N, C-alpha and C. Protein backbone atom coordinates (compact mmCIF):
# COMPACT_ATOMS: atom_id res chain seq x y z
N MET A 1 124.81 79.99 83.05
CA MET A 1 124.31 81.15 84.05
C MET A 1 122.87 81.39 83.71
N THR A 2 122.24 81.61 84.68
CA THR A 2 120.84 81.97 84.70
C THR A 2 120.51 83.32 85.09
N ASN A 3 119.55 84.00 84.04
CA ASN A 3 119.25 85.49 84.05
C ASN A 3 117.91 85.77 84.89
N LEU A 4 117.92 86.64 85.73
CA LEU A 4 116.55 86.86 86.36
C LEU A 4 116.07 88.40 85.96
N PHE A 5 115.08 88.43 85.26
CA PHE A 5 114.50 89.74 84.85
C PHE A 5 113.35 90.44 85.68
N PHE A 6 113.45 91.61 86.22
CA PHE A 6 112.36 92.17 86.88
C PHE A 6 111.70 93.09 85.88
N ILE A 7 110.40 92.78 85.46
CA ILE A 7 109.65 93.49 84.54
C ILE A 7 108.55 94.22 85.38
N GLY A 8 108.44 95.56 85.30
CA GLY A 8 107.38 96.37 86.15
C GLY A 8 106.23 96.48 85.32
N ASN A 9 105.32 97.42 85.84
CA ASN A 9 104.18 97.90 85.32
C ASN A 9 103.00 96.78 85.32
N GLY A 10 103.16 95.90 86.09
CA GLY A 10 102.05 94.65 86.15
C GLY A 10 102.16 93.68 85.26
N PHE A 11 103.33 93.48 84.68
CA PHE A 11 103.53 92.27 83.84
C PHE A 11 103.13 91.10 84.44
N ASP A 12 103.99 90.95 85.70
CA ASP A 12 103.74 89.66 86.63
C ASP A 12 102.15 89.42 86.90
N LEU A 13 101.41 90.49 87.38
CA LEU A 13 100.11 90.29 87.74
C LEU A 13 99.19 90.04 86.56
N SER A 14 99.62 90.58 85.52
CA SER A 14 98.81 90.34 84.30
C SER A 14 98.78 88.93 83.66
N HIS A 15 100.00 88.43 84.09
CA HIS A 15 100.13 86.84 83.75
C HIS A 15 99.89 86.02 84.83
N CYS A 16 98.97 86.38 85.70
CA CYS A 16 98.47 85.41 86.85
C CYS A 16 99.52 85.06 87.69
N LEU A 17 100.56 85.73 87.98
CA LEU A 17 101.78 85.33 88.80
C LEU A 17 101.32 85.81 90.35
N LYS A 18 101.48 84.95 91.22
CA LYS A 18 101.25 85.34 92.52
C LYS A 18 102.29 86.23 93.29
N THR A 19 102.35 87.34 92.85
CA THR A 19 103.68 88.27 93.22
C THR A 19 103.15 89.56 93.89
N SER A 20 101.97 89.70 94.33
CA SER A 20 101.43 90.98 95.07
C SER A 20 101.59 90.99 96.34
N TYR A 21 101.73 92.14 97.23
CA TYR A 21 101.95 92.14 98.54
C TYR A 21 101.01 91.17 99.32
N GLN A 22 99.65 91.09 98.89
CA GLN A 22 98.86 90.39 99.62
C GLN A 22 99.11 88.78 99.41
N ASP A 23 99.71 88.50 98.28
CA ASP A 23 100.30 86.98 98.15
C ASP A 23 101.36 86.58 99.20
N PHE A 24 102.24 87.65 99.31
CA PHE A 24 103.51 87.48 100.12
C PHE A 24 102.99 87.26 101.54
N ARG A 25 102.19 88.34 101.97
CA ARG A 25 101.60 88.15 103.36
C ARG A 25 100.77 86.88 103.74
N GLU A 26 100.00 86.53 102.77
CA GLU A 26 99.37 85.01 102.70
C GLU A 26 100.41 83.98 102.96
N TYR A 27 101.45 84.11 102.28
CA TYR A 27 102.53 83.06 102.13
C TYR A 27 103.16 83.10 103.42
N LEU A 28 103.56 84.17 104.07
CA LEU A 28 104.09 84.38 105.29
C LEU A 28 103.46 83.76 106.56
N LEU A 29 101.92 84.00 106.49
CA LEU A 29 101.11 83.66 107.52
C LEU A 29 100.83 82.15 107.44
N SER A 30 100.84 81.57 106.11
CA SER A 30 100.56 80.17 106.05
C SER A 30 101.69 79.26 106.46
N ASN A 31 102.97 79.89 106.19
CA ASN A 31 104.17 79.01 106.33
C ASN A 31 104.74 79.49 107.76
N HIS A 32 104.56 80.49 108.55
CA HIS A 32 104.88 80.94 109.65
C HIS A 32 103.78 81.26 110.69
N PRO A 33 103.08 80.05 111.21
CA PRO A 33 101.75 80.50 111.96
C PRO A 33 102.21 81.18 113.30
N ASP A 34 103.43 81.23 113.76
CA ASP A 34 103.79 81.89 115.13
C ASP A 34 103.83 83.16 114.95
N ILE A 35 103.74 83.90 113.74
CA ILE A 35 103.80 85.44 113.78
C ILE A 35 102.53 86.17 114.36
N LYS A 36 103.15 87.06 115.20
CA LYS A 36 101.97 87.74 116.08
C LYS A 36 101.90 89.13 115.07
N MET A 37 100.77 89.43 114.40
CA MET A 37 100.51 90.58 113.74
C MET A 37 100.36 91.83 114.52
N ASP A 38 99.97 91.73 115.76
CA ASP A 38 99.54 92.92 116.64
C ASP A 38 100.68 93.56 117.47
N VAL A 39 101.68 92.87 117.46
CA VAL A 39 102.91 93.12 118.43
C VAL A 39 104.09 93.57 117.69
N LEU A 40 104.79 94.60 117.88
CA LEU A 40 105.87 94.98 117.22
C LEU A 40 106.97 94.52 118.02
N ILE A 41 107.89 93.63 117.39
CA ILE A 41 109.10 93.12 117.92
C ILE A 41 110.35 93.56 117.11
N ILE A 42 111.30 94.25 117.60
CA ILE A 42 112.39 94.34 117.07
C ILE A 42 113.50 93.12 117.26
N PRO A 43 113.79 92.19 116.22
CA PRO A 43 114.51 91.16 116.48
C PRO A 43 115.92 91.51 116.94
N GLU A 44 116.33 90.60 117.99
CA GLU A 44 117.65 90.76 118.23
C GLU A 44 118.42 89.64 117.82
N GLY A 45 119.62 89.83 117.30
CA GLY A 45 120.44 88.76 116.91
C GLY A 45 121.26 88.08 117.80
N SER A 46 121.48 86.80 117.56
CA SER A 46 122.71 86.16 118.52
C SER A 46 123.64 85.70 117.72
N MET A 47 124.93 85.92 118.48
CA MET A 47 126.26 85.86 117.80
C MET A 47 126.58 84.25 117.38
N LEU A 48 126.70 84.04 116.23
CA LEU A 48 127.28 82.44 115.95
C LEU A 48 128.68 82.37 116.16
N PRO A 49 129.14 81.10 116.12
CA PRO A 49 130.53 80.74 116.57
C PRO A 49 131.45 81.06 115.38
N ASP A 50 130.92 81.40 113.93
CA ASP A 50 131.66 81.74 113.11
C ASP A 50 131.77 83.43 112.81
N GLY A 51 131.21 84.08 113.77
CA GLY A 51 131.15 85.50 113.71
C GLY A 51 129.78 86.01 113.30
N GLY A 52 128.92 85.19 112.55
CA GLY A 52 127.82 85.67 111.72
C GLY A 52 126.63 85.98 112.99
N ILE A 53 125.65 86.53 112.45
CA ILE A 53 124.57 86.72 113.32
C ILE A 53 123.27 85.95 112.99
N HIS A 54 122.59 85.38 113.81
CA HIS A 54 121.48 84.64 113.40
C HIS A 54 120.20 85.38 114.11
N TYR A 55 119.00 85.35 113.42
CA TYR A 55 117.87 86.11 113.65
C TYR A 55 116.80 85.16 113.65
N ASP A 56 115.78 84.99 114.57
CA ASP A 56 114.67 84.18 114.76
C ASP A 56 113.75 84.74 113.46
N GLU A 57 113.48 83.80 112.56
CA GLU A 57 112.72 84.18 111.22
C GLU A 57 111.42 84.59 111.58
N ASP A 58 110.70 84.08 112.33
CA ASP A 58 109.29 84.44 112.80
C ASP A 58 109.35 86.13 113.43
N LYS A 59 110.27 86.20 113.95
CA LYS A 59 110.44 87.65 114.67
C LYS A 59 110.75 88.50 113.46
N VAL A 60 111.65 88.36 112.56
CA VAL A 60 111.92 89.05 111.39
C VAL A 60 110.68 89.20 110.45
N TYR A 61 109.97 87.91 110.15
CA TYR A 61 108.66 88.20 109.36
C TYR A 61 107.83 89.06 109.91
N GLN A 62 107.74 88.94 111.24
CA GLN A 62 106.58 89.71 112.00
C GLN A 62 106.93 91.11 111.68
N CYS A 63 107.99 91.75 111.36
CA CYS A 63 108.21 92.99 111.28
C CYS A 63 107.29 93.70 109.94
N TYR A 64 107.18 92.76 108.98
CA TYR A 64 106.45 93.04 107.89
C TYR A 64 105.04 93.39 107.99
N PHE A 65 104.55 93.15 109.04
CA PHE A 65 102.87 93.26 109.45
C PHE A 65 102.73 94.63 110.19
N ILE A 66 103.57 95.20 110.86
CA ILE A 66 103.50 96.38 111.63
C ILE A 66 103.65 97.62 110.87
């Protein structure tokens, strides 16, 4: 079994880990170039055959920027 520990108070940043909100924003923009940062879109899901709901990733990620 693998353990994941969350340690606060800047431990991650003081150890030069790219875990800031700015790093996350840059990651999203570089990996999802279709994100429109100036338009608010509330993503609508589409029903899958198994009963689950699928959302367009770019539209979901776009919500982080508004």
